[in-house]
Amino acid sequence: MNDAWRNYRSAPPTGTQVLRANEIGRNQSRCVSVESGNGRFPLVMVRDAEGQLHAWVNACPHQYLPLDGRGDNILSRDGDLLICTSHQATFRVDTGEGISGPAQGEALEPVPVMEDADGWLVIGA
């Protein structure tokens, strides 16, 4: 996995709790701000139709604006794409690949997230 997310000054350490696993269902997305010792880290989490969890830095590579900067509706109806509300760049949920709009050919930065034994989604290794 690409570790570019660790270069953010506000990147949280491994094991940081993000939210309860049951707070995000299939074909749902959540934009959260994770508190770390150096500020708040913007995160987009998506659970796809199969229940697989994907997490990305909430920063469109076009201008590094948050995907939800102009509204909460960032997931396509079929749940396959994330859509930047500022410039309508679209990204595949499963790979983060930019497939249309001004971020085509670029990609969201993945963040490892896993469910712990207590039912929390936490920043992974």
C-alpha atoms as a PDB file:
ATOM      1  CA  MET A   1       0.000   0.000   0.000  1.00  0.00           C
ATOM      2  CA  ASN A   2       1.089   3.538  -0.757  1.00  0.00           C
ATOM      3  CA  ASP A   3       2.114   5.290   2.485  1.00  0.00           C
ATOM      4  CA  ALA A   4       1.945   8.880   1.137  1.00  0.00           C
ATOM      5  CA  TRP A   5      -0.788   9.653   3.683  1.00  0.00           C
ATOM      6  CA  ARG A   6       1.853   9.452   6.435  1.00  0.00           C
ATOM      7  CA  ASN A   7       3.512  12.583   4.978  1.00  0.00           C
ATOM      8  CA  TYR A   8       0.619  14.769   6.180  1.00  0.00           C
ATOM      9  CA  ARG A   9       1.570  16.644   9.329  1.00  0.00           C
ATOM     10  CA  SER A  10      -1.760  15.663  10.891  1.00  0.00           C
ATOM     11  CA  ALA A  11      -1.527  11.935   9.995  1.00  0.00           C
ATOM     12  CA  PRO A  12      -2.761   9.909  12.973  1.00  0.00           C
ATOM     13  CA  PRO A  13      -0.702   7.071  14.431  1.00  0.00           C
ATOM     14  CA  THR A  14      -1.498   3.407  13.855  1.00  0.00           C
ATOM     15  CA  GLY A  15      -4.318   2.247  16.129  1.00  0.00           C
ATOM     16  CA  THR A  16      -6.168   5.575  16.204  1.00  0.00           C
ATOM     17  CA  GLN A  17      -9.918   4.978  16.447  1.00  0.00           C
ATOM     18  CA  VAL A  18     -11.930   6.503  13.618  1.00  0.00           C
ATOM     19  CA  LEU A  19     -15.526   5.363  14.151  1.00  0.00           C
ATOM     20  CA  ARG A  20     -17.556   2.308  15.101  1.00  0.00           C
ATOM     21  CA  ALA A  21     -17.682  -0.278  12.302  1.00  0.00           C
ATOM     22  CA  ASN A  22     -21.493  -0.394  12.435  1.00  0.00           C
ATOM     23  CA  GLU A  23     -21.681   3.341  11.631  1.00  0.00           C
ATOM     24  CA  ILE A  24     -20.961   2.714   7.950  1.00  0.00           C
ATOM     25  CA  GLY A  25     -23.076   0.268   5.974  1.00  0.00           C
ATOM     26  CA  ARG A  26     -22.775  -1.213   2.505  1.00  0.00           C
ATOM     27  CA  ASN A  27     -22.816   1.366  -0.296  1.00  0.00           C
ATOM     28  CA  GLN A  28     -22.249   4.180   2.194  1.00  0.00           C
ATOM     29  CA  SER A  29     -19.512   6.744   2.602  1.00  0.00           C
ATOM     30  CA  ARG A  30     -18.422   8.792   5.585  1.00  0.00           C
ATOM     31  CA  CYS A  31     -16.185  11.835   5.643  1.00  0.00           C
ATOM     32  CA  VAL A  32     -14.562  12.207   9.033  1.00  0.00           C
ATOM     33  CA  SER A  33     -11.919  14.363  10.591  1.00  0.00           C
ATOM     34  CA  VAL A  34      -9.594  12.349  12.820  1.00  0.00           C
ATOM     35  CA  GLU A  35      -7.951  14.183  15.691  1.00  0.00           C
ATOM     36  CA  SER A  36      -4.215  13.671  16.025  1.00  0.00           C
ATOM     37  CA  GLY A  37      -1.561  15.390  18.093  1.00  0.00           C
ATOM     38  CA  ASN A  38      -0.820  17.670  15.125  1.00  0.00           C
ATOM     39  CA  GLY A  39      -4.311  18.674  14.060  1.00  0.00           C
ATOM     40  CA  ARG A  40      -7.181  17.085  12.204  1.00  0.00           C
ATOM     41  CA  PHE A  41      -6.702  14.485   9.474  1.00  0.00           C
ATOM     42  CA  PRO A  42      -9.369  14.391   6.700  1.00  0.00           C
ATOM     43  CA  LEU A  43     -10.540  10.889   5.821  1.00  0.00           C
ATOM     44  CA  VAL A  44     -13.117   9.416   3.428  1.00  0.00           C
ATOM     45  CA  MET A  45     -14.325   5.928   4.219  1.00  0.00           C
ATOM     46  CA  VAL A  46     -16.508   3.802   1.929  1.00  0.00           C
ATOM     47  CA  ARG A  47     -18.002   0.372   2.397  1.00  0.00           C
ATOM     48  CA  ASP A  48     -18.746  -1.096  -1.025  1.00  0.00           C
ATOM     49  CA  ALA A  49     -21.646  -3.380  -2.015  1.00  0.00           C
ATOM     50  CA  GLU A  50     -19.665  -6.470  -0.972  1.00  0.00           C
ATOM     51  CA  GLY A  51     -18.927  -4.986   2.465  1.00  0.00           C
ATOM     52  CA  GLN A  52     -15.257  -4.234   1.741  1.00  0.00           C
ATOM     53  CA  LEU A  53     -13.981  -1.102   3.474  1.00  0.00           C
ATOM     54  CA  HIS A  54     -11.882   1.471   1.592  1.00  0.00           C
ATOM     55  CA  ALA A  55     -10.327   4.608   3.088  1.00  0.00           C
ATOM     56  CA  TRP A  56      -8.719   7.604   1.391  1.00  0.00           C
ATOM     57  CA  VAL A  57      -7.281  10.961   2.383  1.00  0.00           C
ATOM     58  CA  ASN A  58     -10.166  13.393   1.865  1.00  0.00           C
ATOM     59  CA  ALA A  59      -8.242  15.561  -0.584  1.00  0.00           C
ATOM     60  CA  CYS A  60      -8.958  15.662  -4.313  1.00  0.00           C
ATOM     61  CA  PRO A  61      -5.576  15.552  -6.088  1.00  0.00           C
ATOM     62  CA  HIS A  62      -6.788  18.244  -8.507  1.00  0.00           C
ATOM     63  CA  GLN A  63      -6.546  21.084  -5.961  1.00  0.00           C
ATOM     64  CA  TYR A  64      -6.423  19.240  -2.623  1.00  0.00           C
ATOM     65  CA  LEU A  65      -9.913  20.369  -1.673  1.00  0.00           C
ATOM     66  CA  PRO A  66     -12.034  17.972   0.403  1.00  0.00           C
ATOM     67  CA  LEU A  67     -14.322  15.794  -1.719  1.00  0.00           C
ATOM     68  CA  ASP A  68     -17.282  16.904   0.404  1.00  0.00           C
ATOM     69  CA  GLY A  69     -16.311  20.597   0.383  1.00  0.00           C
ATOM     70  CA  ARG A  70     -19.554  21.651  -1.304  1.00  0.00           C
ATOM     71  CA  GLY A  71     -21.920  18.966  -0.063  1.00  0.00           C
ATOM     72  CA  ASP A  72     -22.232  15.574   1.590  1.00  0.00           C
ATOM     73  CA  ASN A  73     -23.321  13.590  -1.469  1.00  0.00           C
ATOM     74  CA  ILE A  74     -19.991  12.211  -2.715  1.00  0.00           C
ATOM     75  CA  LEU A  75     -20.937   8.601  -3.525  1.00  0.00           C
ATOM     76  CA  SER A  76     -22.490   7.698  -6.885  1.00  0.00           C
ATOM     77  CA  ARG A  77     -25.902   6.025  -6.852  1.00  0.00           C
ATOM     78  CA  ASP A  78     -24.409   2.636  -7.696  1.00  0.00           C
ATOM     79  CA  GLY A  79     -21.738   3.053  -4.988  1.00  0.00           C
ATOM     80  CA  ASP A  80     -18.835   2.547  -7.406  1.00  0.00           C
ATOM     81  CA  LEU A  81     -17.529   6.129  -7.606  1.00  0.00           C
ATOM     82  CA  LEU A  82     -16.555   8.977  -5.312  1.00  0.00           C
ATOM     83  CA  ILE A  83     -17.324  12.425  -6.719  1.00  0.00           C
ATOM     84  CA  CYS A  84     -15.545  15.627  -5.742  1.00  0.00           C
ATOM     85  CA  THR A  85     -18.251  18.215  -5.088  1.00  0.00           C
ATOM     86  CA  SER A  86     -15.998  21.101  -6.100  1.00  0.00           C
ATOM     87  CA  HIS A  87     -15.102  20.121  -9.664  1.00  0.00           C
ATOM     88  CA  GLN A  88     -16.933  16.786 -10.242  1.00  0.00           C
ATOM     89  CA  ALA A  89     -13.772  14.717 -10.575  1.00  0.00           C
ATOM     90  CA  THR A  90     -14.700  11.047 -10.157  1.00  0.00           C
ATOM     91  CA  PHE A  91     -12.701   8.278  -8.508  1.00  0.00           C
ATOM     92  CA  ARG A  92     -13.160   4.523  -8.335  1.00  0.00           C
ATOM     93  CA  VAL A  93     -14.127   3.461  -4.818  1.00  0.00           C
ATOM     94  CA  ASP A  94     -11.995   0.306  -4.947  1.00  0.00           C
ATOM     95  CA  THR A  95      -8.732   1.794  -6.283  1.00  0.00           C
ATOM     96  CA  GLY A  96      -9.018   5.572  -5.802  1.00  0.00           C
ATOM     97  CA  GLU A  97      -8.141   6.026  -9.483  1.00  0.00           C
ATOM     98  CA  GLY A  98      -9.354   9.289 -11.025  1.00  0.00           C
ATOM     99  CA  ILE A  99     -11.388   8.313 -14.083  1.00  0.00           C
ATOM    100  CA  SER A 100     -12.977  11.574 -15.208  1.00  0.00           C
ATOM    101  CA  GLY A 101     -12.852  15.304 -14.661  1.00  0.00           C
ATOM    102  CA  PRO A 102      -9.814  17.385 -13.743  1.00  0.00           C
ATOM    103  CA  ALA A 103      -8.235  14.590 -11.656  1.00  0.00           C
ATOM    104  CA  GLN A 104      -8.347  11.996 -14.428  1.00  0.00           C
ATOM    105  CA  GLY A 105      -5.140   9.972 -14.363  1.00  0.00           C
ATOM    106  CA  GLU A 106      -4.420  10.904 -10.741  1.00  0.00           C
ATOM    107  CA  ALA A 107      -5.538   9.023  -7.637  1.00  0.00           C
ATOM    108  CA  LEU A 108      -6.712   9.460  -4.076  1.00  0.00           C
ATOM    109  CA  GLU A 109      -4.184   8.510  -1.403  1.00  0.00           C
ATOM    110  CA  PRO A 110      -5.156   5.254   0.363  1.00  0.00           C
ATOM    111  CA  VAL A 111      -5.155   4.973   4.146  1.00  0.00           C
ATOM    112  CA  PRO A 112      -5.091   1.537   5.813  1.00  0.00           C
ATOM    113  CA  VAL A 113      -8.105   1.047   8.067  1.00  0.00           C
ATOM    114  CA  MET A 114      -9.178  -2.142   9.795  1.00  0.00           C
ATOM    115  CA  GLU A 115     -11.754  -3.296  12.329  1.00  0.00           C
ATOM    116  CA  ASP A 116     -10.396  -4.090  15.778  1.00  0.00           C
ATOM    117  CA  ALA A 117     -11.724  -6.687  18.235  1.00  0.00           C
ATOM    118  CA  ASP A 118     -13.912  -4.061  19.945  1.00  0.00           C
ATOM    119  CA  GLY A 119     -15.786  -3.127  16.764  1.00  0.00           C
ATOM    120  CA  TRP A 120     -13.888   0.106  16.033  1.00  0.00           C
ATOM    121  CA  LEU A 121     -12.445   1.051  12.667  1.00  0.00           C
ATOM    122  CA  VAL A 122      -8.855   2.048  13.367  1.00  0.00           C
ATOM    123  CA  ILE A 123      -5.906   3.325  11.383  1.00  0.00           C
ATOM    124  CA  GLY A 124      -3.938   0.211  10.395  1.00  0.00           C
ATOM    125  CA  ALA A 125      -0.283  -0.445   9.794  1.00  0.00           C
END
